[in-house]
Amino acid sequence: MTRHTSAACYSCQQPAVDREHVPPRCLFPEQKDTHGIDYRKQLLTVPSCRAHNTDKSGEDEFLLLVLASYFENNAVGNEHTLAKVKRAVNRMPSKFRQMITGEVVPVSGGGKALPIDRGRFDREIELIVKALYFAHHGIVLARPVTIATTALRCHAESQLDLGLDDLREVEAVQGFLGPNSPFRGENPGVFQYRFRCEPKPFALGVEMLFYEAFRVVGWVVESPITAFNL
């Protein structure tokens, strides 16, 4: 971890020129698409450089496509897909086609899934974890963050595998957070999270829930066996 001044970026410590929304603001529907309901109230922000704000708008759109289109999302996520995501895709179809890494994958039950770049997804979620850490502690998290989710499955032989490694890691982080740790967030229909950090030995666990369905965890530990039983 690295201490900073208020003029330093939450991620890289370069001079901050703006403030980044945590998570990106595009994930929160605009009132014109929600019949007047405000899902953008009291959004969390952190100081950021240009590279970790406006210059990554394409990465934010990729994250929006992945998160909002998840089939188990609540009505907020579904309506956001039919409104903002659909408008963006219609406006720049070639750009969004580049976000998909291959052909549509069949899944059990007759459904279909879009293969995406898992590394790209993890990098975006890692920035959210680092921003949450910064917001809580005022310190730049210089350590790499491990990401796991049960909402994505790995492409294997034209099917989707069970993602057992991700499931094990999600359950380990949930155990570290404990059953009574409350979720936080002013707009829980879009984003809510749980957070725990222990200083010695260092252990950080974050559980995030997007649109009340897409669950992702991030964790950093010095001693994974003692902290997370991994």
C-alpha atoms as a PDB file:
ATOM      1  CA  MET A   1       0.000   0.000   0.000  1.00  0.00           C
ATOM      2  CA  THR A   2       1.185   3.518  -0.697  1.00  0.00           C
ATOM      3  CA  ARG A   3       0.017   6.669   1.018  1.00  0.00           C
ATOM      4  CA  HIS A   4      -0.907   9.568  -1.219  1.00  0.00           C
ATOM      5  CA  THR A   5      -2.028  13.142  -1.288  1.00  0.00           C
ATOM      6  CA  SER A   6      -5.563  14.066  -2.304  1.00  0.00           C
ATOM      7  CA  ALA A   7      -4.167  15.130  -5.688  1.00  0.00           C
ATOM      8  CA  ALA A   8      -2.992  11.605  -6.551  1.00  0.00           C
ATOM      9  CA  CYS A   9      -4.833   9.029  -8.650  1.00  0.00           C
ATOM     10  CA  TYR A  10      -6.458   6.199  -6.708  1.00  0.00           C
ATOM     11  CA  SER A  11      -4.741   3.570  -8.883  1.00  0.00           C
ATOM     12  CA  CYS A  12      -1.376   4.785 -10.157  1.00  0.00           C
ATOM     13  CA  GLN A  13      -0.529   7.835  -7.973  1.00  0.00           C
ATOM     14  CA  GLN A  14      -0.157  10.076 -11.016  1.00  0.00           C
ATOM     15  CA  PRO A  15      -1.546  13.610 -10.605  1.00  0.00           C
ATOM     16  CA  ALA A  16      -5.337  13.509 -10.450  1.00  0.00           C
ATOM     17  CA  VAL A  17      -7.236  15.613 -12.983  1.00  0.00           C
ATOM     18  CA  ASP A  18     -10.768  14.437 -12.278  1.00  0.00           C
ATOM     19  CA  ARG A  19     -12.821  12.055 -10.149  1.00  0.00           C
ATOM     20  CA  GLU A  20     -13.729   8.513 -11.155  1.00  0.00           C
ATOM     21  CA  HIS A  21     -17.093   7.003 -10.242  1.00  0.00           C
ATOM     22  CA  VAL A  22     -16.962   3.706  -8.360  1.00  0.00           C
ATOM     23  CA  PRO A  23     -18.145   1.637 -10.159  1.00  0.00           C
ATOM     24  CA  PRO A  24     -18.251   3.490 -13.510  1.00  0.00           C
ATOM     25  CA  ARG A  25     -21.192   5.864 -13.860  1.00  0.00           C
ATOM     26  CA  CYS A  26     -22.427   4.207 -17.057  1.00  0.00           C
ATOM     27  CA  LEU A  27     -23.581   1.208 -14.989  1.00  0.00           C
ATOM     28  CA  PHE A  28     -26.200   3.401 -13.306  1.00  0.00           C
ATOM     29  CA  PRO A  29     -29.296   4.060 -15.457  1.00  0.00           C
ATOM     30  CA  GLU A  30     -30.246   7.604 -16.374  1.00  0.00           C
ATOM     31  CA  GLN A  31     -33.591   8.931 -15.124  1.00  0.00           C
ATOM     32  CA  LYS A  32     -34.912   9.196 -18.690  1.00  0.00           C
ATOM     33  CA  ASP A  33     -34.773   5.379 -18.793  1.00  0.00           C
ATOM     34  CA  THR A  34     -36.176   4.699 -15.300  1.00  0.00           C
ATOM     35  CA  HIS A  35     -39.516   6.549 -15.261  1.00  0.00           C
ATOM     36  CA  GLY A  36     -37.950   9.210 -13.048  1.00  0.00           C
ATOM     37  CA  ILE A  37     -36.305   6.918 -10.483  1.00  0.00           C
ATOM     38  CA  ASP A  38     -32.873   8.255  -9.493  1.00  0.00           C
ATOM     39  CA  TYR A  39     -30.250   5.494  -9.482  1.00  0.00           C
ATOM     40  CA  ARG A  40     -27.385   7.987  -9.570  1.00  0.00           C
ATOM     41  CA  LYS A  41     -27.771   9.500  -6.114  1.00  0.00           C
ATOM     42  CA  GLN A  42     -24.714   9.876  -3.895  1.00  0.00           C
ATOM     43  CA  LEU A  43     -22.387   7.976  -6.216  1.00  0.00           C
ATOM     44  CA  LEU A  44     -18.983   7.180  -4.765  1.00  0.00           C
ATOM     45  CA  THR A  45     -16.021   8.917  -6.437  1.00  0.00           C
ATOM     46  CA  VAL A  46     -12.241   8.900  -6.040  1.00  0.00           C
ATOM     47  CA  PRO A  47      -9.516  11.170  -7.497  1.00  0.00           C
ATOM     48  CA  SER A  48      -8.146   9.873 -10.777  1.00  0.00           C
ATOM     49  CA  CYS A  49      -5.756  10.612 -13.588  1.00  0.00           C
ATOM     50  CA  ARG A  50      -6.977  10.738 -17.182  1.00  0.00           C
ATOM     51  CA  ALA A  51      -5.835   7.178 -17.944  1.00  0.00           C
ATOM     52  CA  HIS A  52      -7.979   5.785 -15.134  1.00  0.00           C
ATOM     53  CA  ASN A  53     -11.046   7.860 -15.983  1.00  0.00           C
ATOM     54  CA  THR A  54     -11.946   9.298 -19.384  1.00  0.00           C
ATOM     55  CA  ASP A  55      -9.303   7.340 -21.326  1.00  0.00           C
ATOM     56  CA  LYS A  56     -10.848   4.042 -20.234  1.00  0.00           C
ATOM     57  CA  SER A  57     -14.401   4.838 -21.326  1.00  0.00           C
ATOM     58  CA  GLY A  58     -14.222   1.974 -23.832  1.00  0.00           C
ATOM     59  CA  GLU A  59     -13.349  -0.427 -21.022  1.00  0.00           C
ATOM     60  CA  ASP A  60     -16.282   0.907 -18.989  1.00  0.00           C
ATOM     61  CA  GLU A  61     -18.612   0.211 -21.922  1.00  0.00           C
ATOM     62  CA  PHE A  62     -17.235  -3.329 -22.151  1.00  0.00           C
ATOM     63  CA  LEU A  63     -17.923  -3.824 -18.435  1.00  0.00           C
ATOM     64  CA  LEU A  64     -21.449  -2.464 -18.874  1.00  0.00           C
ATOM     65  CA  LEU A  65     -22.115  -4.914 -21.716  1.00  0.00           C
ATOM     66  CA  VAL A  66     -20.979  -7.880 -19.612  1.00  0.00           C
ATOM     67  CA  LEU A  67     -22.692  -6.928 -16.351  1.00  0.00           C
ATOM     68  CA  ALA A  68     -26.013  -5.540 -17.604  1.00  0.00           C
ATOM     69  CA  SER A  69     -26.687  -8.395 -20.034  1.00  0.00           C
ATOM     70  CA  TYR A  70     -26.476 -11.117 -17.368  1.00  0.00           C
ATOM     71  CA  PHE A  71     -29.625 -13.243 -17.634  1.00  0.00           C
ATOM     72  CA  GLU A  72     -30.352 -13.376 -13.882  1.00  0.00           C
ATOM     73  CA  ASN A  73     -30.279  -9.607 -13.347  1.00  0.00           C
ATOM     74  CA  ASN A  74     -33.114  -7.701 -11.733  1.00  0.00           C
ATOM     75  CA  ALA A  75     -35.493  -5.450 -13.658  1.00  0.00           C
ATOM     76  CA  VAL A  76     -33.087  -2.502 -13.348  1.00  0.00           C
ATOM     77  CA  GLY A  77     -30.340  -4.382 -15.162  1.00  0.00           C
ATOM     78  CA  ASN A  78     -32.701  -5.770 -17.785  1.00  0.00           C
ATOM     79  CA  GLU A  79     -34.175  -2.353 -18.543  1.00  0.00           C
ATOM     80  CA  HIS A  80     -30.693  -0.823 -18.667  1.00  0.00           C
ATOM     81  CA  THR A  81     -29.751  -3.405 -21.306  1.00  0.00           C
ATOM     82  CA  LEU A  82     -32.852  -2.642 -23.365  1.00  0.00           C
ATOM     83  CA  ALA A  83     -32.259   1.101 -23.115  1.00  0.00           C
ATOM     84  CA  LYS A  84     -28.676   2.369 -22.774  1.00  0.00           C
ATOM     85  CA  VAL A  85     -26.852  -0.764 -23.896  1.00  0.00           C
ATOM     86  CA  LYS A  86     -29.125  -1.227 -26.916  1.00  0.00           C
ATOM     87  CA  ARG A  87     -28.682   2.432 -27.928  1.00  0.00           C
ATOM     88  CA  ALA A  88     -24.908   2.132 -27.657  1.00  0.00           C
ATOM     89  CA  VAL A  89     -24.805  -1.086 -29.675  1.00  0.00           C
ATOM     90  CA  ASN A  90     -27.042   0.370 -32.397  1.00  0.00           C
ATOM     91  CA  ARG A  91     -24.915   3.512 -32.529  1.00  0.00           C
ATOM     92  CA  MET A  92     -21.571   1.675 -32.826  1.00  0.00           C
ATOM     93  CA  PRO A  93     -22.247  -1.983 -33.723  1.00  0.00           C
ATOM     94  CA  SER A  94     -18.712  -2.683 -34.950  1.00  0.00           C
ATOM     95  CA  LYS A  95     -17.231  -1.432 -31.686  1.00  0.00           C
ATOM     96  CA  PHE A  96     -19.380  -3.771 -29.621  1.00  0.00           C
ATOM     97  CA  ARG A  97     -18.745  -6.715 -31.931  1.00  0.00           C
ATOM     98  CA  GLN A  98     -15.068  -6.322 -31.099  1.00  0.00           C
ATOM     99  CA  MET A  99     -15.903  -6.846 -27.417  1.00  0.00           C
ATOM    100  CA  ILE A 100     -17.029 -10.419 -28.118  1.00  0.00           C
ATOM    101  CA  THR A 101     -14.145 -12.884 -28.402  1.00  0.00           C
ATOM    102  CA  GLY A 102     -15.774 -15.609 -30.500  1.00  0.00           C
ATOM    103  CA  GLU A 103     -18.951 -17.339 -31.594  1.00  0.00           C
ATOM    104  CA  VAL A 104     -22.058 -17.654 -29.438  1.00  0.00           C
ATOM    105  CA  VAL A 105     -21.698 -20.651 -27.120  1.00  0.00           C
ATOM    106  CA  PRO A 106     -24.620 -23.050 -26.524  1.00  0.00           C
ATOM    107  CA  VAL A 107     -25.431 -23.856 -22.902  1.00  0.00           C
ATOM    108  CA  SER A 108     -27.623 -26.428 -21.212  1.00  0.00           C
ATOM    109  CA  GLY A 109     -31.338 -25.727 -21.298  1.00  0.00           C
ATOM    110  CA  GLY A 110     -31.252 -24.328 -24.813  1.00  0.00           C
ATOM    111  CA  GLY A 111     -29.762 -20.945 -23.943  1.00  0.00           C
ATOM    112  CA  LYS A 112     -26.775 -19.176 -25.454  1.00  0.00           C
ATOM    113  CA  ALA A 113     -23.848 -17.220 -24.041  1.00  0.00           C
ATOM    114  CA  LEU A 114     -21.492 -14.611 -25.440  1.00  0.00           C
ATOM    115  CA  PRO A 115     -17.789 -15.385 -24.944  1.00  0.00           C
ATOM    116  CA  ILE A 116     -15.904 -12.415 -23.556  1.00  0.00           C
ATOM    117  CA  ASP A 117     -12.313 -11.544 -22.683  1.00  0.00           C
ATOM    118  CA  ARG A 118     -12.046 -12.702 -19.063  1.00  0.00           C
ATOM    119  CA  GLY A 119      -8.714 -10.951 -18.536  1.00  0.00           C
ATOM    120  CA  ARG A 120     -10.207  -7.658 -19.679  1.00  0.00           C
ATOM    121  CA  PHE A 121     -13.165  -8.155 -17.333  1.00  0.00           C
ATOM    122  CA  ASP A 122     -10.904  -8.952 -14.378  1.00  0.00           C
ATOM    123  CA  ARG A 123      -8.793  -5.842 -14.974  1.00  0.00           C
ATOM    124  CA  GLU A 124     -11.870  -3.619 -14.849  1.00  0.00           C
ATOM    125  CA  ILE A 125     -13.137  -5.247 -11.648  1.00  0.00           C
ATOM    126  CA  GLU A 126      -9.668  -4.947 -10.103  1.00  0.00           C
ATOM    127  CA  LEU A 127      -9.822  -1.172 -10.605  1.00  0.00           C
ATOM    128  CA  ILE A 128     -13.165  -1.084  -8.771  1.00  0.00           C
ATOM    129  CA  VAL A 129     -11.656  -3.014  -5.844  1.00  0.00           C
ATOM    130  CA  LYS A 130      -8.690  -0.635  -5.728  1.00  0.00           C
ATOM    131  CA  ALA A 131     -11.017   2.358  -5.833  1.00  0.00           C
ATOM    132  CA  LEU A 132     -13.119   0.971  -2.966  1.00  0.00           C
ATOM    133  CA  TYR A 133      -9.966   0.390  -0.945  1.00  0.00           C
ATOM    134  CA  PHE A 134      -8.848   3.938  -1.651  1.00  0.00           C
ATOM    135  CA  ALA A 135     -12.251   5.317  -0.643  1.00  0.00           C
ATOM    136  CA  HIS A 136     -12.143   3.448   2.664  1.00  0.00           C
ATOM    137  CA  HIS A 137      -8.496   3.920   3.613  1.00  0.00           C
ATOM    138  CA  GLY A 138      -7.130   6.859   1.623  1.00  0.00           C
ATOM    139  CA  ILE A 139      -4.268   4.607   0.522  1.00  0.00           C
ATOM    140  CA  VAL A 140      -3.324   3.348  -2.924  1.00  0.00           C
ATOM    141  CA  LEU A 141      -3.510  -0.448  -3.088  1.00  0.00           C
ATOM    142  CA  ALA A 142      -0.364  -1.397  -4.996  1.00  0.00           C
ATOM    143  CA  ARG A 143      -0.857  -5.156  -4.693  1.00  0.00           C
ATOM    144  CA  PRO A 144      -2.504  -7.193  -7.491  1.00  0.00           C
ATOM    145  CA  VAL A 145      -6.104  -8.232  -6.850  1.00  0.00           C
ATOM    146  CA  THR A 146      -7.428 -11.715  -7.607  1.00  0.00           C
ATOM    147  CA  ILE A 147     -10.932 -11.707  -9.118  1.00  0.00           C
ATOM    148  CA  ALA A 148     -13.503 -14.494  -9.054  1.00  0.00           C
ATOM    149  CA  THR A 149     -17.136 -14.704 -10.103  1.00  0.00           C
ATOM    150  CA  THR A 150     -19.782 -17.400 -10.398  1.00  0.00           C
ATOM    151  CA  ALA A 151     -21.600 -15.427 -13.101  1.00  0.00           C
ATOM    152  CA  LEU A 152     -19.103 -16.252 -15.863  1.00  0.00           C
ATOM    153  CA  ARG A 153     -18.157 -19.692 -17.061  1.00  0.00           C
ATOM    154  CA  CYS A 154     -15.080 -20.733 -19.034  1.00  0.00           C
ATOM    155  CA  HIS A 155     -15.533 -21.803 -22.635  1.00  0.00           C
ATOM    156  CA  ALA A 156     -14.607 -25.471 -22.977  1.00  0.00           C
ATOM    157  CA  GLU A 157     -15.457 -27.768 -25.908  1.00  0.00           C
ATOM    158  CA  SER A 158     -18.466 -25.765 -27.101  1.00  0.00           C
ATOM    159  CA  GLN A 159     -20.016 -25.802 -23.634  1.00  0.00           C
ATOM    160  CA  LEU A 160     -19.573 -23.787 -20.466  1.00  0.00           C
ATOM    161  CA  ASP A 161     -17.766 -25.463 -17.578  1.00  0.00           C
ATOM    162  CA  LEU A 162     -18.838 -25.100 -13.955  1.00  0.00           C
ATOM    163  CA  GLY A 163     -16.136 -22.609 -12.963  1.00  0.00           C
ATOM    164  CA  LEU A 164     -15.314 -24.573  -9.816  1.00  0.00           C
ATOM    165  CA  ASP A 165     -12.171 -22.563  -9.033  1.00  0.00           C
ATOM    166  CA  ASP A 166     -14.187 -19.363  -9.104  1.00  0.00           C
ATOM    167  CA  LEU A 167     -16.889 -20.913  -6.931  1.00  0.00           C
ATOM    168  CA  ARG A 168     -14.324 -22.021  -4.356  1.00  0.00           C
ATOM    169  CA  GLU A 169     -12.760 -18.547  -4.240  1.00  0.00           C
ATOM    170  CA  VAL A 170     -16.131 -16.785  -3.984  1.00  0.00           C
ATOM    171  CA  GLU A 171     -17.100 -18.981  -1.043  1.00  0.00           C
ATOM    172  CA  ALA A 172     -13.720 -18.408   0.624  1.00  0.00           C
ATOM    173  CA  VAL A 173     -14.071 -14.620   0.403  1.00  0.00           C
ATOM    174  CA  GLN A 174     -17.645 -14.836   1.694  1.00  0.00           C
ATOM    175  CA  GLY A 175     -16.365 -16.860   4.652  1.00  0.00           C
ATOM    176  CA  PHE A 176     -13.708 -14.214   5.360  1.00  0.00           C
ATOM    177  CA  LEU A 177     -16.347 -11.465   5.266  1.00  0.00           C
ATOM    178  CA  GLY A 178     -18.636 -13.425   7.587  1.00  0.00           C
ATOM    179  CA  PRO A 179     -22.396 -14.023   7.472  1.00  0.00           C
ATOM    180  CA  ASN A 180     -23.364 -10.831   9.286  1.00  0.00           C
ATOM    181  CA  SER A 181     -21.296  -8.319   7.326  1.00  0.00           C
ATOM    182  CA  PRO A 182     -23.803  -5.897   5.743  1.00  0.00           C
ATOM    183  CA  PHE A 183     -23.790  -4.761   2.142  1.00  0.00           C
ATOM    184  CA  ARG A 184     -23.239  -1.054   1.467  1.00  0.00           C
ATOM    185  CA  GLY A 185     -24.309   1.202  -1.374  1.00  0.00           C
ATOM    186  CA  GLU A 186     -26.785   4.017  -1.921  1.00  0.00           C
ATOM    187  CA  ASN A 187     -28.209   2.344  -5.052  1.00  0.00           C
ATOM    188  CA  PRO A 188     -28.374  -1.371  -4.152  1.00  0.00           C
ATOM    189  CA  GLY A 189     -30.509  -2.215  -7.175  1.00  0.00           C
ATOM    190  CA  VAL A 190     -27.464  -1.374  -9.288  1.00  0.00           C
ATOM    191  CA  PHE A 191     -24.446  -1.926  -7.043  1.00  0.00           C
ATOM    192  CA  GLN A 192     -23.752  -2.996  -3.479  1.00  0.00           C
ATOM    193  CA  TYR A 193     -20.674  -4.347  -1.794  1.00  0.00           C
ATOM    194  CA  ARG A 194     -19.167  -5.800   1.387  1.00  0.00           C
ATOM    195  CA  PHE A 195     -15.638  -4.978   2.480  1.00  0.00           C
ATOM    196  CA  ARG A 196     -13.183  -6.247   5.082  1.00  0.00           C
ATOM    197  CA  CYS A 197      -9.495  -5.497   5.526  1.00  0.00           C
ATOM    198  CA  GLU A 198      -7.084  -6.829   8.149  1.00  0.00           C
ATOM    199  CA  PRO A 199      -3.636  -5.172   8.477  1.00  0.00           C
ATOM    200  CA  LYS A 200      -1.366  -7.949   9.831  1.00  0.00           C
ATOM    201  CA  PRO A 201      -0.985 -10.198   7.991  1.00  0.00           C
ATOM    202  CA  PHE A 202      -2.578  -8.129   5.270  1.00  0.00           C
ATOM    203  CA  ALA A 203      -5.873  -9.548   4.016  1.00  0.00           C
ATOM    204  CA  LEU A 204      -8.519  -7.797   1.927  1.00  0.00           C
ATOM    205  CA  GLY A 205     -11.816  -9.255   0.783  1.00  0.00           C
ATOM    206  CA  VAL A 206     -14.517  -7.490  -1.241  1.00  0.00           C
ATOM    207  CA  GLU A 207     -17.816  -8.959  -2.422  1.00  0.00           C
ATOM    208  CA  MET A 208     -19.724  -6.969  -5.059  1.00  0.00           C
ATOM    209  CA  LEU A 209     -23.240  -7.482  -6.362  1.00  0.00           C
ATOM    210  CA  PHE A 210     -24.364  -5.827  -9.594  1.00  0.00           C
ATOM    211  CA  TYR A 211     -28.084  -5.627 -10.400  1.00  0.00           C
ATOM    212  CA  GLU A 212     -28.750  -7.943  -7.420  1.00  0.00           C
ATOM    213  CA  ALA A 213     -27.473 -10.967  -9.350  1.00  0.00           C
ATOM    214  CA  PHE A 214     -23.995 -10.638 -10.878  1.00  0.00           C
ATOM    215  CA  ARG A 215     -21.703 -11.552  -7.968  1.00  0.00           C
ATOM    216  CA  VAL A 216     -17.956 -10.826  -8.067  1.00  0.00           C
ATOM    217  CA  VAL A 217     -15.287 -11.000  -5.370  1.00  0.00           C
ATOM    218  CA  GLY A 218     -11.810  -9.532  -5.168  1.00  0.00           C
ATOM    219  CA  TRP A 219      -9.150 -10.510  -2.676  1.00  0.00           C
ATOM    220  CA  VAL A 220      -5.572  -9.767  -1.692  1.00  0.00           C
ATOM    221  CA  VAL A 221      -3.767 -11.744   0.993  1.00  0.00           C
ATOM    222  CA  GLU A 222      -0.237 -12.301   2.276  1.00  0.00           C
ATOM    223  CA  SER A 223      -1.141 -15.741   3.629  1.00  0.00           C
ATOM    224  CA  PRO A 224      -4.079 -17.260   1.713  1.00  0.00           C
ATOM    225  CA  ILE A 225      -4.172 -20.449   3.773  1.00  0.00           C
ATOM    226  CA  THR A 226      -4.722 -18.676   7.081  1.00  0.00           C
ATOM    227  CA  ALA A 227      -6.940 -15.888   5.763  1.00  0.00           C
ATOM    228  CA  PHE A 228      -9.182 -17.625   3.247  1.00  0.00           C
ATOM    229  CA  ASN A 229      -8.587 -21.366   3.690  1.00  0.00           C
ATOM    230  CA  LEU A 230      -7.611 -21.645   0.015  1.00  0.00           C
END
